């Protein structure tokens, strides 16, 4: 699908902090199976009257949203709850997993890193502000905002949580992806035989982010 996004920008990443920033382990990684690589990001879904943020953890192979949280704050707790949800629902807990995100405070803070360490998940982070270093997460954010909740103006966070839950359920079980050979995220997550399509380029133009997954 080629859907032109509305230009609304809200800064959700603060990388100026004292916490450790990790190396990018994904640049030459070939993703071949579910729960090999998770990507995490936070996006703005609120209104001027009531700011709200959606934290997502997505499986890079299956494109399945494995963890999410809606909150009215950019503190780390929303991202932590999203990660916890994903870890509790792992299908392949014995296999090695990399968690990739930007260098925001939410992901670098001690509580988040301790949760990754306890689950024996390897941490990877973008090394500069470049959307292509976390392209899958950015694209899934865009799909949910442009295809599922576009135009919805809600000030009630409890109602927004219900809408996001319904949207993610539909997205995971009914929305096929071109990069997944037109299979749904749920289908892809329960198998590992299909080789996903990739769209990596050395210097890709910005417009390719739209509709590539």
C-alpha atoms as a PDB file:
ATOM      1  CA  UNK A   1       0.000   0.000   0.000  1.00  0.00           C
ATOM      2  CA  UNK A   2       1.185   3.488  -0.836  1.00  0.00           C
ATOM      3  CA  UNK A   3      -0.342   5.842   1.697  1.00  0.00           C
ATOM      4  CA  UNK A   4       0.944   9.394   1.937  1.00  0.00           C
ATOM      5  CA  UNK A   5       1.454  10.190   5.631  1.00  0.00           C
ATOM      6  CA  UNK A   6       0.434  13.498   7.118  1.00  0.00           C
ATOM      7  CA  UNK A   7       3.396  15.601   8.216  1.00  0.00           C
ATOM      8  CA  UNK A   8       3.099  15.748  11.991  1.00  0.00           C
ATOM      9  CA  UNK A   9       6.335  15.685  13.908  1.00  0.00           C
ATOM     10  CA  UNK A  10       6.694  15.081  17.635  1.00  0.00           C
ATOM     11  CA  UNK A  11      10.097  14.461  19.187  1.00  0.00           C
ATOM     12  CA  UNK A  12      10.061  11.207  21.175  1.00  0.00           C
ATOM     13  CA  UNK A  13      13.808  10.542  21.414  1.00  0.00           C
ATOM     14  CA  UNK A  14      16.171  12.161  23.902  1.00  0.00           C
ATOM     15  CA  UNK A  15      19.655  10.765  23.370  1.00  0.00           C
ATOM     16  CA  UNK A  16      21.418  13.363  25.530  1.00  0.00           C
ATOM     17  CA  UNK A  17      21.773  11.436  28.764  1.00  0.00           C
ATOM     18  CA  UNK A  18      24.363   9.763  30.981  1.00  0.00           C
ATOM     19  CA  UNK A  19      23.462   6.143  30.218  1.00  0.00           C
ATOM     20  CA  UNK A  20      25.498   3.776  28.070  1.00  0.00           C
ATOM     21  CA  UNK A  21      24.767   3.711  24.352  1.00  0.00           C
ATOM     22  CA  UNK A  22      25.249   0.354  22.591  1.00  0.00           C
ATOM     23  CA  UNK A  23      26.704  -0.466  19.185  1.00  0.00           C
ATOM     24  CA  UNK A  24      24.542  -1.167  16.149  1.00  0.00           C
ATOM     25  CA  UNK A  25      24.613  -4.958  15.634  1.00  0.00           C
ATOM     26  CA  UNK A  26      22.078  -5.042  12.795  1.00  0.00           C
ATOM     27  CA  UNK A  27      23.850  -3.374   9.882  1.00  0.00           C
ATOM     28  CA  UNK A  28      25.069  -6.624   8.322  1.00  0.00           C
ATOM     29  CA  UNK A  29      22.618  -8.983  10.015  1.00  0.00           C
ATOM     30  CA  UNK A  30      20.558 -11.278   7.789  1.00  0.00           C
ATOM     31  CA  UNK A  31      17.241 -11.888   9.517  1.00  0.00           C
ATOM     32  CA  UNK A  32      16.199 -15.496   8.896  1.00  0.00           C
ATOM     33  CA  UNK A  33      13.783 -16.463  11.675  1.00  0.00           C
ATOM     34  CA  UNK A  34      11.287 -15.135  14.198  1.00  0.00           C
ATOM     35  CA  UNK A  35      12.693 -13.874  17.503  1.00  0.00           C
ATOM     36  CA  UNK A  36      16.124 -13.324  16.019  1.00  0.00           C
ATOM     37  CA  UNK A  37      15.726  -9.532  16.053  1.00  0.00           C
ATOM     38  CA  UNK A  38      13.211  -7.301  17.808  1.00  0.00           C
ATOM     39  CA  UNK A  39      12.973  -3.600  16.992  1.00  0.00           C
ATOM     40  CA  UNK A  40      11.530  -1.034  19.385  1.00  0.00           C
ATOM     41  CA  UNK A  41      10.290   2.500  18.967  1.00  0.00           C
ATOM     42  CA  UNK A  42       7.947   5.096  20.478  1.00  0.00           C
ATOM     43  CA  UNK A  43       5.516   7.195  18.444  1.00  0.00           C
ATOM     44  CA  UNK A  44       3.098  10.008  19.244  1.00  0.00           C
ATOM     45  CA  UNK A  45      -0.632   9.231  18.933  1.00  0.00           C
ATOM     46  CA  UNK A  46      -2.253  11.886  21.130  1.00  0.00           C
ATOM     47  CA  UNK A  47      -3.866  15.291  20.745  1.00  0.00           C
ATOM     48  CA  UNK A  48      -2.848  18.769  21.843  1.00  0.00           C
ATOM     49  CA  UNK A  49      -5.198  18.466  24.798  1.00  0.00           C
ATOM     50  CA  UNK A  50      -4.027  15.012  25.808  1.00  0.00           C
ATOM     51  CA  UNK A  51      -0.574  13.796  24.663  1.00  0.00           C
ATOM     52  CA  UNK A  52      -0.328  10.027  24.282  1.00  0.00           C
ATOM     53  CA  UNK A  53       2.521   7.774  23.211  1.00  0.00           C
ATOM     54  CA  UNK A  54       2.591   4.274  21.762  1.00  0.00           C
ATOM     55  CA  UNK A  55       5.609   2.106  22.587  1.00  0.00           C
ATOM     56  CA  UNK A  56       6.048  -0.858  20.242  1.00  0.00           C
ATOM     57  CA  UNK A  57       8.285  -3.920  20.126  1.00  0.00           C
ATOM     58  CA  UNK A  58       8.148  -5.654  16.745  1.00  0.00           C
ATOM     59  CA  UNK A  59       9.661  -8.880  15.450  1.00  0.00           C
ATOM     60  CA  UNK A  60      11.784  -7.887  12.432  1.00  0.00           C
ATOM     61  CA  UNK A  61      11.308 -11.206  10.611  1.00  0.00           C
ATOM     62  CA  UNK A  62       7.554 -11.681  11.084  1.00  0.00           C
ATOM     63  CA  UNK A  63       6.670  -7.955  11.349  1.00  0.00           C
ATOM     64  CA  UNK A  64       4.532  -8.986  14.318  1.00  0.00           C
ATOM     65  CA  UNK A  65       3.944  -6.527  17.156  1.00  0.00           C
ATOM     66  CA  UNK A  66       4.991  -8.632  20.142  1.00  0.00           C
ATOM     67  CA  UNK A  67       4.725  -5.919  22.790  1.00  0.00           C
ATOM     68  CA  UNK A  68       3.053  -2.545  23.086  1.00  0.00           C
ATOM     69  CA  UNK A  69       1.932   0.064  25.600  1.00  0.00           C
ATOM     70  CA  UNK A  70      -0.081   3.281  25.490  1.00  0.00           C
ATOM     71  CA  UNK A  71       0.763   5.986  28.029  1.00  0.00           C
ATOM     72  CA  UNK A  72       0.510   9.746  28.468  1.00  0.00           C
ATOM     73  CA  UNK A  73       4.183  10.148  29.363  1.00  0.00           C
ATOM     74  CA  UNK A  74       7.539   9.742  27.654  1.00  0.00           C
ATOM     75  CA  UNK A  75       9.136   8.258  30.748  1.00  0.00           C
ATOM     76  CA  UNK A  76      10.653   4.793  30.513  1.00  0.00           C
ATOM     77  CA  UNK A  77       7.729   2.921  32.064  1.00  0.00           C
ATOM     78  CA  UNK A  78       5.728   2.676  28.834  1.00  0.00           C
ATOM     79  CA  UNK A  79       8.677   1.174  26.945  1.00  0.00           C
ATOM     80  CA  UNK A  80       9.368  -1.177  29.857  1.00  0.00           C
ATOM     81  CA  UNK A  81       5.768  -2.416  29.889  1.00  0.00           C
ATOM     82  CA  UNK A  82       5.884  -3.015  26.124  1.00  0.00           C
ATOM     83  CA  UNK A  83       9.109  -5.037  26.457  1.00  0.00           C
ATOM     84  CA  UNK A  84       7.737  -7.023  29.393  1.00  0.00           C
ATOM     85  CA  UNK A  85       4.645  -7.939  27.378  1.00  0.00           C
ATOM     86  CA  UNK A  86       6.838  -9.185  24.544  1.00  0.00           C
ATOM     87  CA  UNK A  87       9.147 -11.209  26.771  1.00  0.00           C
ATOM     88  CA  UNK A  88       6.235 -12.939  28.506  1.00  0.00           C
ATOM     89  CA  UNK A  89       4.853 -14.102  25.160  1.00  0.00           C
ATOM     90  CA  UNK A  90       8.030 -15.426  23.530  1.00  0.00           C
ATOM     91  CA  UNK A  91       7.531 -18.501  21.359  1.00  0.00           C
ATOM     92  CA  UNK A  92      11.240 -19.400  21.201  1.00  0.00           C
ATOM     93  CA  UNK A  93      12.795 -18.362  24.541  1.00  0.00           C
ATOM     94  CA  UNK A  94      15.786 -20.685  24.170  1.00  0.00           C
ATOM     95  CA  UNK A  95      17.041 -18.982  20.989  1.00  0.00           C
ATOM     96  CA  UNK A  96      19.331 -15.959  20.798  1.00  0.00           C
ATOM     97  CA  UNK A  97      17.548 -12.620  20.463  1.00  0.00           C
ATOM     98  CA  UNK A  98      18.802  -9.111  19.664  1.00  0.00           C
ATOM     99  CA  UNK A  99      16.820  -6.043  20.753  1.00  0.00           C
ATOM    100  CA  UNK A 100      17.389  -2.977  18.542  1.00  0.00           C
ATOM    101  CA  UNK A 101      16.254   0.580  19.255  1.00  0.00           C
ATOM    102  CA  UNK A 102      17.314   4.184  19.032  1.00  0.00           C
ATOM    103  CA  UNK A 103      19.507   5.713  21.747  1.00  0.00           C
ATOM    104  CA  UNK A 104      16.643   7.262  23.662  1.00  0.00           C
ATOM    105  CA  UNK A 105      16.654   7.534  27.429  1.00  0.00           C
ATOM    106  CA  UNK A 106      13.800   5.014  27.661  1.00  0.00           C
ATOM    107  CA  UNK A 107      15.946   2.238  26.162  1.00  0.00           C
ATOM    108  CA  UNK A 108      19.282   3.160  27.711  1.00  0.00           C
ATOM    109  CA  UNK A 109      18.073   3.554  31.295  1.00  0.00           C
ATOM    110  CA  UNK A 110      19.069   1.049  33.974  1.00  0.00           C
ATOM    111  CA  UNK A 111      15.615  -0.526  34.408  1.00  0.00           C
ATOM    112  CA  UNK A 112      15.248  -1.291  30.698  1.00  0.00           C
ATOM    113  CA  UNK A 113      18.773  -2.637  30.370  1.00  0.00           C
ATOM    114  CA  UNK A 114      18.351  -4.818  33.457  1.00  0.00           C
ATOM    115  CA  UNK A 115      15.252  -6.367  31.925  1.00  0.00           C
ATOM    116  CA  UNK A 116      17.187  -7.191  28.751  1.00  0.00           C
ATOM    117  CA  UNK A 117      20.065  -8.628  30.780  1.00  0.00           C
ATOM    118  CA  UNK A 118      17.745 -10.762  32.916  1.00  0.00           C
ATOM    119  CA  UNK A 119      16.143 -12.189  29.768  1.00  0.00           C
ATOM    120  CA  UNK A 120      19.589 -12.732  28.159  1.00  0.00           C
ATOM    121  CA  UNK A 121      18.679 -10.489  25.238  1.00  0.00           C
ATOM    122  CA  UNK A 122      21.520  -8.689  23.429  1.00  0.00           C
ATOM    123  CA  UNK A 123      21.157  -4.931  23.086  1.00  0.00           C
ATOM    124  CA  UNK A 124      21.761  -3.053  19.822  1.00  0.00           C
ATOM    125  CA  UNK A 125      21.175   0.632  19.078  1.00  0.00           C
ATOM    126  CA  UNK A 126      21.297   3.078  16.202  1.00  0.00           C
ATOM    127  CA  UNK A 127      24.521   5.053  16.069  1.00  0.00           C
ATOM    128  CA  UNK A 128      23.156   8.230  14.495  1.00  0.00           C
ATOM    129  CA  UNK A 129      19.795   9.795  13.730  1.00  0.00           C
ATOM    130  CA  UNK A 130      18.940   7.852  10.596  1.00  0.00           C
ATOM    131  CA  UNK A 131      15.479   6.244  10.180  1.00  0.00           C
ATOM    132  CA  UNK A 132      17.007   3.482   8.069  1.00  0.00           C
ATOM    133  CA  UNK A 133      18.923   2.214  11.097  1.00  0.00           C
ATOM    134  CA  UNK A 134      15.540   1.275  12.577  1.00  0.00           C
ATOM    135  CA  UNK A 135      13.454   1.103   9.408  1.00  0.00           C
ATOM    136  CA  UNK A 136      11.181  -1.816  10.355  1.00  0.00           C
ATOM    137  CA  UNK A 137      10.118  -0.137  13.587  1.00  0.00           C
ATOM    138  CA  UNK A 138       9.490   3.163  11.794  1.00  0.00           C
ATOM    139  CA  UNK A 139       7.432   1.426   9.111  1.00  0.00           C
ATOM    140  CA  UNK A 140       5.242  -0.509  11.550  1.00  0.00           C
ATOM    141  CA  UNK A 141       4.622   2.732  13.443  1.00  0.00           C
ATOM    142  CA  UNK A 142       3.503   4.273  10.172  1.00  0.00           C
ATOM    143  CA  UNK A 143       1.193   1.390   9.263  1.00  0.00           C
ATOM    144  CA  UNK A 144      -0.640   1.538  12.572  1.00  0.00           C
ATOM    145  CA  UNK A 145      -0.974   5.321  12.479  1.00  0.00           C
ATOM    146  CA  UNK A 146      -1.891   5.680   8.796  1.00  0.00           C
ATOM    147  CA  UNK A 147      -4.004   2.580   8.209  1.00  0.00           C
ATOM    148  CA  UNK A 148      -5.653   1.983  11.590  1.00  0.00           C
ATOM    149  CA  UNK A 149      -5.931   5.147  13.695  1.00  0.00           C
ATOM    150  CA  UNK A 150      -5.555   7.947  11.144  1.00  0.00           C
ATOM    151  CA  UNK A 151      -7.988  10.765  11.833  1.00  0.00           C
ATOM    152  CA  UNK A 152      -8.979   9.483  15.271  1.00  0.00           C
ATOM    153  CA  UNK A 153      -8.974  12.305  17.808  1.00  0.00           C
ATOM    154  CA  UNK A 154      -9.421  10.895  21.309  1.00  0.00           C
ATOM    155  CA  UNK A 155      -8.672  12.481  24.658  1.00  0.00           C
ATOM    156  CA  UNK A 156      -9.632   9.401  26.703  1.00  0.00           C
ATOM    157  CA  UNK A 157      -6.528   7.260  27.188  1.00  0.00           C
ATOM    158  CA  UNK A 158      -8.553   4.201  28.241  1.00  0.00           C
ATOM    159  CA  UNK A 159     -10.520   4.342  24.997  1.00  0.00           C
ATOM    160  CA  UNK A 160      -7.295   4.793  23.049  1.00  0.00           C
ATOM    161  CA  UNK A 161      -5.860   1.696  24.709  1.00  0.00           C
ATOM    162  CA  UNK A 162      -8.878  -0.324  23.538  1.00  0.00           C
ATOM    163  CA  UNK A 163      -8.533   1.006  19.992  1.00  0.00           C
ATOM    164  CA  UNK A 164      -4.804   0.223  19.895  1.00  0.00           C
ATOM    165  CA  UNK A 165      -5.407  -3.308  21.192  1.00  0.00           C
ATOM    166  CA  UNK A 166      -8.024  -3.955  18.510  1.00  0.00           C
ATOM    167  CA  UNK A 167      -5.830  -2.410  15.821  1.00  0.00           C
ATOM    168  CA  UNK A 168      -2.795  -4.516  16.750  1.00  0.00           C
ATOM    169  CA  UNK A 169      -4.901  -7.695  16.912  1.00  0.00           C
ATOM    170  CA  UNK A 170      -6.164  -7.021  13.386  1.00  0.00           C
ATOM    171  CA  UNK A 171      -2.720  -5.984  12.161  1.00  0.00           C
ATOM    172  CA  UNK A 172      -1.057  -9.133  13.500  1.00  0.00           C
ATOM    173  CA  UNK A 173      -3.670 -11.611  12.257  1.00  0.00           C
ATOM    174  CA  UNK A 174      -5.118 -10.083   9.076  1.00  0.00           C
ATOM    175  CA  UNK A 175      -2.742  -7.541   7.525  1.00  0.00           C
ATOM    176  CA  UNK A 176      -0.340  -9.198   5.007  1.00  0.00           C
ATOM    177  CA  UNK A 177       3.093  -7.778   4.186  1.00  0.00           C
ATOM    178  CA  UNK A 178       4.807  -7.719   0.827  1.00  0.00           C
ATOM    179  CA  UNK A 179       8.159  -8.433   2.494  1.00  0.00           C
ATOM    180  CA  UNK A 180       6.582 -11.522   4.096  1.00  0.00           C
ATOM    181  CA  UNK A 181       5.394 -12.853   0.729  1.00  0.00           C
ATOM    182  CA  UNK A 182       1.891 -11.562   1.521  1.00  0.00           C
ATOM    183  CA  UNK A 183       1.620 -13.582   4.720  1.00  0.00           C
ATOM    184  CA  UNK A 184       0.340 -12.120   7.984  1.00  0.00           C
ATOM    185  CA  UNK A 185       2.669 -11.399  10.908  1.00  0.00           C
ATOM    186  CA  UNK A 186       1.020 -14.110  13.016  1.00  0.00           C
ATOM    187  CA  UNK A 187       1.555 -16.704  10.263  1.00  0.00           C
ATOM    188  CA  UNK A 188       5.172 -15.672   9.806  1.00  0.00           C
ATOM    189  CA  UNK A 189       5.892 -15.794  13.522  1.00  0.00           C
ATOM    190  CA  UNK A 190       4.895 -19.454  13.779  1.00  0.00           C
ATOM    191  CA  UNK A 191       7.180 -20.716  10.991  1.00  0.00           C
ATOM    192  CA  UNK A 192      10.720 -20.100   9.730  1.00  0.00           C
ATOM    193  CA  UNK A 193      10.836 -21.542   6.224  1.00  0.00           C
ATOM    194  CA  UNK A 194       9.912 -18.403   4.287  1.00  0.00           C
ATOM    195  CA  UNK A 195      12.751 -16.089   3.318  1.00  0.00           C
ATOM    196  CA  UNK A 196      11.659 -12.488   3.774  1.00  0.00           C
ATOM    197  CA  UNK A 197      12.264  -9.824   1.171  1.00  0.00           C
ATOM    198  CA  UNK A 198      14.697  -7.077   2.087  1.00  0.00           C
ATOM    199  CA  UNK A 199      15.057  -3.590   0.681  1.00  0.00           C
ATOM    200  CA  UNK A 200      18.464  -2.541   1.974  1.00  0.00           C
ATOM    201  CA  UNK A 201      20.463  -0.031  -0.028  1.00  0.00           C
ATOM    202  CA  UNK A 202      23.600   1.887   0.753  1.00  0.00           C
ATOM    203  CA  UNK A 203      21.965   5.317   0.340  1.00  0.00           C
ATOM    204  CA  UNK A 204      18.221   4.775  -0.179  1.00  0.00           C
ATOM    205  CA  UNK A 205      16.001   7.771  -0.962  1.00  0.00           C
ATOM    206  CA  UNK A 206      13.664   8.854   1.818  1.00  0.00           C
ATOM    207  CA  UNK A 207      10.486   8.067  -0.125  1.00  0.00           C
ATOM    208  CA  UNK A 208      11.252   4.344  -0.125  1.00  0.00           C
ATOM    209  CA  UNK A 209      10.238   4.108   3.529  1.00  0.00           C
ATOM    210  CA  UNK A 210       6.598   4.334   2.445  1.00  0.00           C
ATOM    211  CA  UNK A 211       5.114   1.057   1.279  1.00  0.00           C
ATOM    212  CA  UNK A 212       8.259  -1.078   1.361  1.00  0.00           C
ATOM    213  CA  UNK A 213       6.991  -3.598   3.908  1.00  0.00           C
END
